[in-house]
Amino acid sequence: MTGWFIWKKNCNIFYSLRRLTFIYLNLIFNIIIVKKFILSFFLFVCSFISYSQVTELNWAGILNAGGQKIELRLHLVQNADKTYTSNWDVPAQKAKGIPSSKTEVSNKQINIEIKMIGASFTGTLNAGLNKLEGSWGQSGMSFPLNMEPLKEGMEVVVAMKPQTPKPPFSYVVKDFVYEGTNTHLSYGCTLTYPSDNKQYPLVILITGSGRQDRDETIFDHKPFAVLADYLTKKGFAVLRVDDRGAGKSTGDFSTSTTADFALDVEEHLAYAKTLPMVDPNKIGLLGHSEGGLIAPMVAARDKSVAFMVLMAGPGIEITELMAIQNEMVLKSAGISQQAIDAYIPLYKNLMKSIIVIDNKEAAIAKAKAITNAWFESTDKNLVKLTTNISTQSDIEKFATTMAQTLSTNWWKYFAAYNPQPTLQKVKCPVLAINGSADIQVPAAASLKGIEASLKKGGNKHFTTKQFEGLNHLFQKCTKCTVPEYGELETTIEPAVLETIGTWLAGLTSMN
């Protein structure tokens, strides 16, 4: 789910359909997922270095977690008062300047926390002052991360993204900001529509997990820009909007839930009806990943929604979906089925137990008790494989991080959500698609759940389709892992675009 914790919670893998902007990396990445930041790594670390001995301010290293390798770059900045700030780059994801929330330098050690992604780094400067020997972790997991001075001119080869549309365009492109009537937030938008002077059916695009820009940018791919370009050329108007707190949109993303994002879409829908180039009777929603949860919430409440497209949208209870997602991501990282079978009950127990506890300290205590009991009753080799826990201290860190994460507003709402009752209330035509190689939103289970829910609600105007060999972004994959997203040139397979365009064209021509 894009957004989502995309590489996120390692062996805890939370790719929570929510943080897919920065890939949240944990031994098992979940790309909530991945709520994008850039799909961001989220690991926990601590480290220190002495003021007098810090001569290098720019460092680079390769993180190897669960078989996934990713380059991280650390930039230290010394302030006038001799304190430090820092930020991170993830070249493969074209992410630059991810800010650290705390940077402490003392003696030969550096301790860095990156609160916005629940991560931290700990390293020690070696005797030669030319290597930071440290670790990077999250959710109680830690992975070796040794860094060396960044070499001048060092570049990372990034796969071209030929589908990204480039001007001049054969249609009208309008960038603007409007204010929501009920939320009182400002929303940064791009509207595209054919050049001739008439009204057009409108498709409102809804991003996946994580604070995303209007193009749903991830690994230098711009899926929503590609969709908007294709559909506009097919005769549709398309509205894409920065998430609250992203781009030119205001609002506090960090304290918001999926329900809040649905309110944002309702604002977009109401505003779109006032636009002269939009046919107010032919406005529909297209949601990707978590956007596939949000679209039905809006359509179930507002009968003016004319149609709905769900791209990798969840169709089953989220706790069950996340368990399947964890299993699939663990498998993609080469973890044995025996180890996975040992881990999944812990994950489900933690999720179901913690989200119903309001007090964070109580949640942490509960998480520690559950993890301790699991540790005592589980083969220690299997424990190590999935959680990297081997000591009581590891248990403390693992349980605390898990509890803190699951106690956030977004997680508590998201993890308790079951999309099926809402889908049963959707009466407009629906197209639901997914890729068979999607390890973030399991295709078979989700499409089956969506179909069963729509049928139960009496909706007879729906189509479901599974594309063989495509991943969560609807790319043809080989490794079918999250990191591979950025390695592939294709942003969205042409067959997927054609399927959406043909379905929409047939639908709107009948009305």
Foldseek 3Di string as FASTA:
>chain_A
DAQALALADALLADSLQAHLLAQDRALFHFVVVVVNVQSHHAWAAFKAAALVLQPFQKKKWWWQHLNDIFIKIKGWDQDPVRAIWIAMDGQQWRRPGQGWPDWHYHHQMIWTHRVVRNWIKHFGQDPVSFKTWTWIGFLLDITTIMIGHDDPPDHDDFFAQVLQDDDPAQWDKDWDWDAFPPVRKIKTKIKTAHHDDAAFFEEEEAEIHRQAAQQSRYSNFRNNSSLQRLQRVLGHMYMTIGQDVPDPIHDDPQQDALVVSLVVVVSVLVVQCPDGRHDNQRYAYEYAASGLLSRLLNLLVDVSHAEYEYQLYFQFQQLVQSLQLSLLSSVLSVQDPVLSVLSSVLSSVLLVPLLVDQDLVVSLVVLLVSLVVSCVPDDVVSCCSSQVDDDSVSSSRNSSSSNVVCNRNHNSVRNRDTSLVSLLSRAHAYEYEYECLESNRHQPNRQVSSVVSVVNSVHPRYHYYYHYQAYSQQDRDDSSGPSCCRVDNHRHDPVVSVVVSVVSVVSVVVD
